[in-house]
Amino acid sequence: MSSDAAADVTSCPQCGMVFDSVESLREHLKKEEEQAVLHTNEDAAA
């Protein structure tokens, strides 16, 4: 497995934050999705 692939797996496509494990990345992506939904709702209400 190349180090480049590992970096891709553990970095957030949205913000570029790098995580030491896929689990950490998954937790982060869940939060990002929740935040995105909140922002979408705010935009619709504004």
PDB file of N, CA and C in Angstrom:
ATOM      1  N   MET A   1       0.846  -1.194   0.000  1.00  0.00           N
ATOM      2  CA  MET A   1       0.000   0.000   0.000  1.00  0.00           C
ATOM      3  C   MET A   1       0.886   1.251   0.000  1.00  0.00           C
ATOM      4  N   SER A   2       0.622   2.178  -0.896  1.00  0.00           N
ATOM      5  CA  SER A   2       1.459   3.371  -0.984  1.00  0.00           C
ATOM      6  C   SER A   2       1.047   4.402   0.053  1.00  0.00           C
ATOM      7  N   SER A   3       1.991   5.234   0.442  1.00  0.00           N
ATOM      8  CA  SER A   3       1.684   6.261   1.439  1.00  0.00           C
ATOM      9  C   SER A   3       0.698   7.279   0.870  1.00  0.00           C
ATOM     10  N   ASP A   4       0.724   7.492  -0.440  1.00  0.00           N
ATOM     11  CA  ASP A   4      -0.220   8.429  -1.043  1.00  0.00           C
ATOM     12  C   ASP A   4      -1.653   7.951  -0.844  1.00  0.00           C
ATOM     13  N   ALA A   5      -1.874   6.663  -1.037  1.00  0.00           N
ATOM     14  CA  ALA A   5      -3.219   6.121  -0.869  1.00  0.00           C
ATOM     15  C   ALA A   5      -3.675   6.282   0.578  1.00  0.00           C
ATOM     16  N   ALA A   6      -2.766   6.035   1.511  1.00  0.00           N
ATOM     17  CA  ALA A   6      -3.118   6.167   2.921  1.00  0.00           C
ATOM     18  C   ALA A   6      -3.500   7.610   3.236  1.00  0.00           C
ATOM     19  N   ALA A   7      -2.761   8.557   2.664  1.00  0.00           N
ATOM     20  CA  ALA A   7      -3.059   9.967   2.908  1.00  0.00           C
ATOM     21  C   ALA A   7      -4.439  10.311   2.356  1.00  0.00           C
ATOM     22  N   ASP A   8      -4.770   9.769   1.181  1.00  0.00           N
ATOM     23  CA  ASP A   8      -6.081  10.044   0.598  1.00  0.00           C
ATOM     24  C   ASP A   8      -7.194   9.513   1.491  1.00  0.00           C
ATOM     25  N   VAL A   9      -6.969   8.326   2.040  1.00  0.00           N
ATOM     26  CA  VAL A   9      -8.005   7.690   2.850  1.00  0.00           C
ATOM     27  C   VAL A   9      -8.271   8.488   4.120  1.00  0.00           C
ATOM     28  N   THR A  10      -7.232   9.107   4.675  1.00  0.00           N
ATOM     29  CA  THR A  10      -7.398   9.750   5.975  1.00  0.00           C
ATOM     30  C   THR A  10      -7.434  11.271   5.910  1.00  0.00           C
ATOM     31  N   SER A  11      -7.643  11.836   4.725  1.00  0.00           N
ATOM     32  CA  SER A  11      -7.796  13.286   4.652  1.00  0.00           C
ATOM     33  C   SER A  11      -9.204  13.632   4.171  1.00  0.00           C
ATOM     34  N   CYS A  12      -9.756  14.694   4.756  1.00  0.00           N
ATOM     35  CA  CYS A  12     -11.125  15.078   4.424  1.00  0.00           C
ATOM     36  C   CYS A  12     -11.168  15.741   3.053  1.00  0.00           C
ATOM     37  N   PRO A  13     -11.998  15.227   2.136  1.00  0.00           N
ATOM     38  CA  PRO A  13     -12.093  15.824   0.802  1.00  0.00           C
ATOM     39  C   PRO A  13     -12.634  17.250   0.844  1.00  0.00           C
ATOM     40  N   GLN A  14     -13.452  17.556   1.860  1.00  0.00           N
ATOM     41  CA  GLN A  14     -14.044  18.888   1.945  1.00  0.00           C
ATOM     42  C   GLN A  14     -13.058  19.934   2.459  1.00  0.00           C
ATOM     43  N   CYS A  15     -12.373  19.625   3.562  1.00  0.00           N
ATOM     44  CA  CYS A  15     -11.553  20.659   4.202  1.00  0.00           C
ATOM     45  C   CYS A  15     -10.071  20.349   4.182  1.00  0.00           C
ATOM     46  N   GLY A  16      -9.677  19.110   3.824  1.00  0.00           N
ATOM     47  CA  GLY A  16      -8.259  18.782   3.739  1.00  0.00           C
ATOM     48  C   GLY A  16      -7.627  18.384   5.063  1.00  0.00           C
ATOM     49  N   MET A  17      -8.411  18.356   6.141  1.00  0.00           N
ATOM     50  CA  MET A  17      -7.865  17.916   7.425  1.00  0.00           C
ATOM     51  C   MET A  17      -7.396  16.475   7.314  1.00  0.00           C
ATOM     52  N   VAL A  18      -6.269  16.153   7.938  1.00  0.00           N
ATOM     53  CA  VAL A  18      -5.726  14.796   7.869  1.00  0.00           C
ATOM     54  C   VAL A  18      -5.933  14.103   9.209  1.00  0.00           C
ATOM     55  N   PHE A  19      -6.359  12.849   9.164  1.00  0.00           N
ATOM     56  CA  PHE A  19      -6.650  12.077  10.369  1.00  0.00           C
ATOM     57  C   PHE A  19      -5.738  10.868  10.461  1.00  0.00           C
ATOM     58  N   ASP A  20      -5.496  10.412  11.701  1.00  0.00           N
ATOM     59  CA  ASP A  20      -4.568   9.290  11.883  1.00  0.00           C
ATOM     60  C   ASP A  20      -5.259   7.946  11.695  1.00  0.00           C
ATOM     61  N   SER A  21      -6.573   7.956  11.506  1.00  0.00           N
ATOM     62  CA  SER A  21      -7.277   6.696  11.268  1.00  0.00           C
ATOM     63  C   SER A  21      -8.529   6.945  10.442  1.00  0.00           C
ATOM     64  N   VAL A  22      -8.983   5.900   9.750  1.00  0.00           N
ATOM     65  CA  VAL A  22     -10.195   6.018   8.946  1.00  0.00           C
ATOM     66  C   VAL A  22     -11.396   6.279   9.856  1.00  0.00           C
ATOM     67  N   GLU A  23     -11.372   5.685  11.058  1.00  0.00           N
ATOM     68  CA  GLU A  23     -12.474   5.918  12.002  1.00  0.00           C
ATOM     69  C   GLU A  23     -12.595   7.402  12.334  1.00  0.00           C
ATOM     70  N   SER A  24     -11.466   8.047  12.601  1.00  0.00           N
ATOM     71  CA  SER A  24     -11.492   9.482  12.904  1.00  0.00           C
ATOM     72  C   SER A  24     -12.057  10.256  11.719  1.00  0.00           C
ATOM     73  N   LEU A  25     -11.648   9.864  10.525  1.00  0.00           N
ATOM     74  CA  LEU A  25     -12.143  10.532   9.325  1.00  0.00           C
ATOM     75  C   LEU A  25     -13.652  10.346   9.198  1.00  0.00           C
ATOM     76  N   ARG A  26     -14.138   9.133   9.437  1.00  0.00           N
ATOM     77  CA  ARG A  26     -15.579   8.886   9.333  1.00  0.00           C
ATOM     78  C   ARG A  26     -16.352   9.758  10.314  1.00  0.00           C
ATOM     79  N   GLU A  27     -15.862   9.835  11.562  1.00  0.00           N
ATOM     80  CA  GLU A  27     -16.521  10.681  12.566  1.00  0.00           C
ATOM     81  C   GLU A  27     -16.557  12.126  12.079  1.00  0.00           C
ATOM     82  N   HIS A  28     -15.452  12.585  11.530  1.00  0.00           N
ATOM     83  CA  HIS A  28     -15.360  13.962  11.034  1.00  0.00           C
ATOM     84  C   HIS A  28     -16.340  14.183   9.884  1.00  0.00           C
ATOM     85  N   LEU A  29     -16.415  13.238   8.960  1.00  0.00           N
ATOM     86  CA  LEU A  29     -17.313  13.393   7.817  1.00  0.00           C
ATOM     87  C   LEU A  29     -18.768  13.436   8.270  1.00  0.00           C
ATOM     88  N   LYS A  30     -19.117  12.634   9.293  1.00  0.00           N
ATOM     89  CA  LYS A  30     -20.482  12.689   9.825  1.00  0.00           C
ATOM     90  C   LYS A  30     -20.784  14.092  10.332  1.00  0.00           C
ATOM     91  N   LYS A  31     -19.835  14.665  11.081  1.00  0.00           N
ATOM     92  CA  LYS A  31     -20.033  16.015  11.610  1.00  0.00           C
ATOM     93  C   LYS A  31     -20.126  17.019  10.468  1.00  0.00           C
ATOM     94  N   GLU A  32     -19.277  16.864   9.462  1.00  0.00           N
ATOM     95  CA  GLU A  32     -19.303  17.770   8.315  1.00  0.00           C
ATOM     96  C   GLU A  32     -20.670  17.721   7.636  1.00  0.00           C
ATOM     97  N   GLU A  33     -21.223  16.520   7.474  1.00  0.00           N
ATOM     98  CA  GLU A  33     -22.529  16.390   6.835  1.00  0.00           C
ATOM     99  C   GLU A  33     -23.598  17.074   7.668  1.00  0.00           C
ATOM    100  N   GLU A  34     -23.550  16.872   9.000  1.00  0.00           N
ATOM    101  CA  GLU A  34     -24.526  17.517   9.872  1.00  0.00           C
ATOM    102  C   GLU A  34     -24.410  19.035   9.767  1.00  0.00           C
ATOM    103  N   GLN A  35     -23.185  19.545   9.749  1.00  0.00           N
ATOM    104  CA  GLN A  35     -22.977  20.985   9.621  1.00  0.00           C
ATOM    105  C   GLN A  35     -23.503  21.473   8.268  1.00  0.00           C
ATOM    106  N   ALA A  36     -23.261  20.714   7.218  1.00  0.00           N
ATOM    107  CA  ALA A  36     -23.721  21.110   5.891  1.00  0.00           C
ATOM    108  C   ALA A  36     -25.242  21.204   5.866  1.00  0.00           C
ATOM    109  N   VAL A  37     -25.906  20.267   6.515  1.00  0.00           N
ATOM    110  CA  VAL A  37     -27.368  20.294   6.578  1.00  0.00           C
ATOM    111  C   VAL A  37     -27.828  21.535   7.333  1.00  0.00           C
ATOM    112  N   LEU A  38     -27.164  21.832   8.442  1.00  0.00           N
ATOM    113  CA  LEU A  38     -27.526  23.023   9.213  1.00  0.00           C
ATOM    114  C   LEU A  38     -27.351  24.280   8.369  1.00  0.00           C
ATOM    115  N   HIS A  39     -26.232  24.371   7.652  1.00  0.00           N
ATOM    116  CA  HIS A  39     -25.986  25.549   6.834  1.00  0.00           C
ATOM    117  C   HIS A  39     -27.027  25.657   5.725  1.00  0.00           C
ATOM    118  N   THR A  40     -27.411  24.526   5.144  1.00  0.00           N
ATOM    119  CA  THR A  40     -28.418  24.536   4.087  1.00  0.00           C
ATOM    120  C   THR A  40     -29.743  25.045   4.636  1.00  0.00           C
ATOM    121  N   ASN A  41     -30.119  24.581   5.825  1.00  0.00           N
ATOM    122  CA  ASN A  41     -31.364  25.034   6.441  1.00  0.00           C
ATOM    123  C   ASN A  41     -31.310  26.528   6.736  1.00  0.00           C
ATOM    124  N   GLU A  42     -30.170  27.006   7.219  1.00  0.00           N
ATOM    125  CA  GLU A  42     -30.024  28.428   7.504  1.00  0.00           C
ATOM    126  C   GLU A  42     -30.174  29.242   6.217  1.00  0.00           C
ATOM    127  N   ASP A  43     -29.553  28.767   5.142  1.00  0.00           N
ATOM    128  CA  ASP A  43     -29.640  29.487   3.873  1.00  0.00           C
ATOM    129  C   ASP A  43     -31.087  29.536   3.385  1.00  0.00           C
ATOM    130  N   ALA A  44     -31.810  28.449   3.538  1.00  0.00           N
ATOM    131  CA  ALA A  44     -33.196  28.401   3.077  1.00  0.00           C
ATOM    132  C   ALA A  44     -34.068  29.341   3.906  1.00  0.00           C
ATOM    133  N   ALA A  45     -33.787  29.440   5.198  1.00  0.00           N
ATOM    134  CA  ALA A  45     -34.597  30.275   6.076  1.00  0.00           C
ATOM    135  C   ALA A  45     -34.286  31.758   5.881  1.00  0.00           C
ATOM    136  N   ALA A  46     -33.063  32.076   5.507  1.00  0.00           N
ATOM    137  CA  ALA A  46     -32.653  33.483   5.410  1.00  0.00           C
ATOM    138  C   ALA A  46     -33.350  34.208   4.254  1.00  0.00           C
TER     139      ALA A  46
END
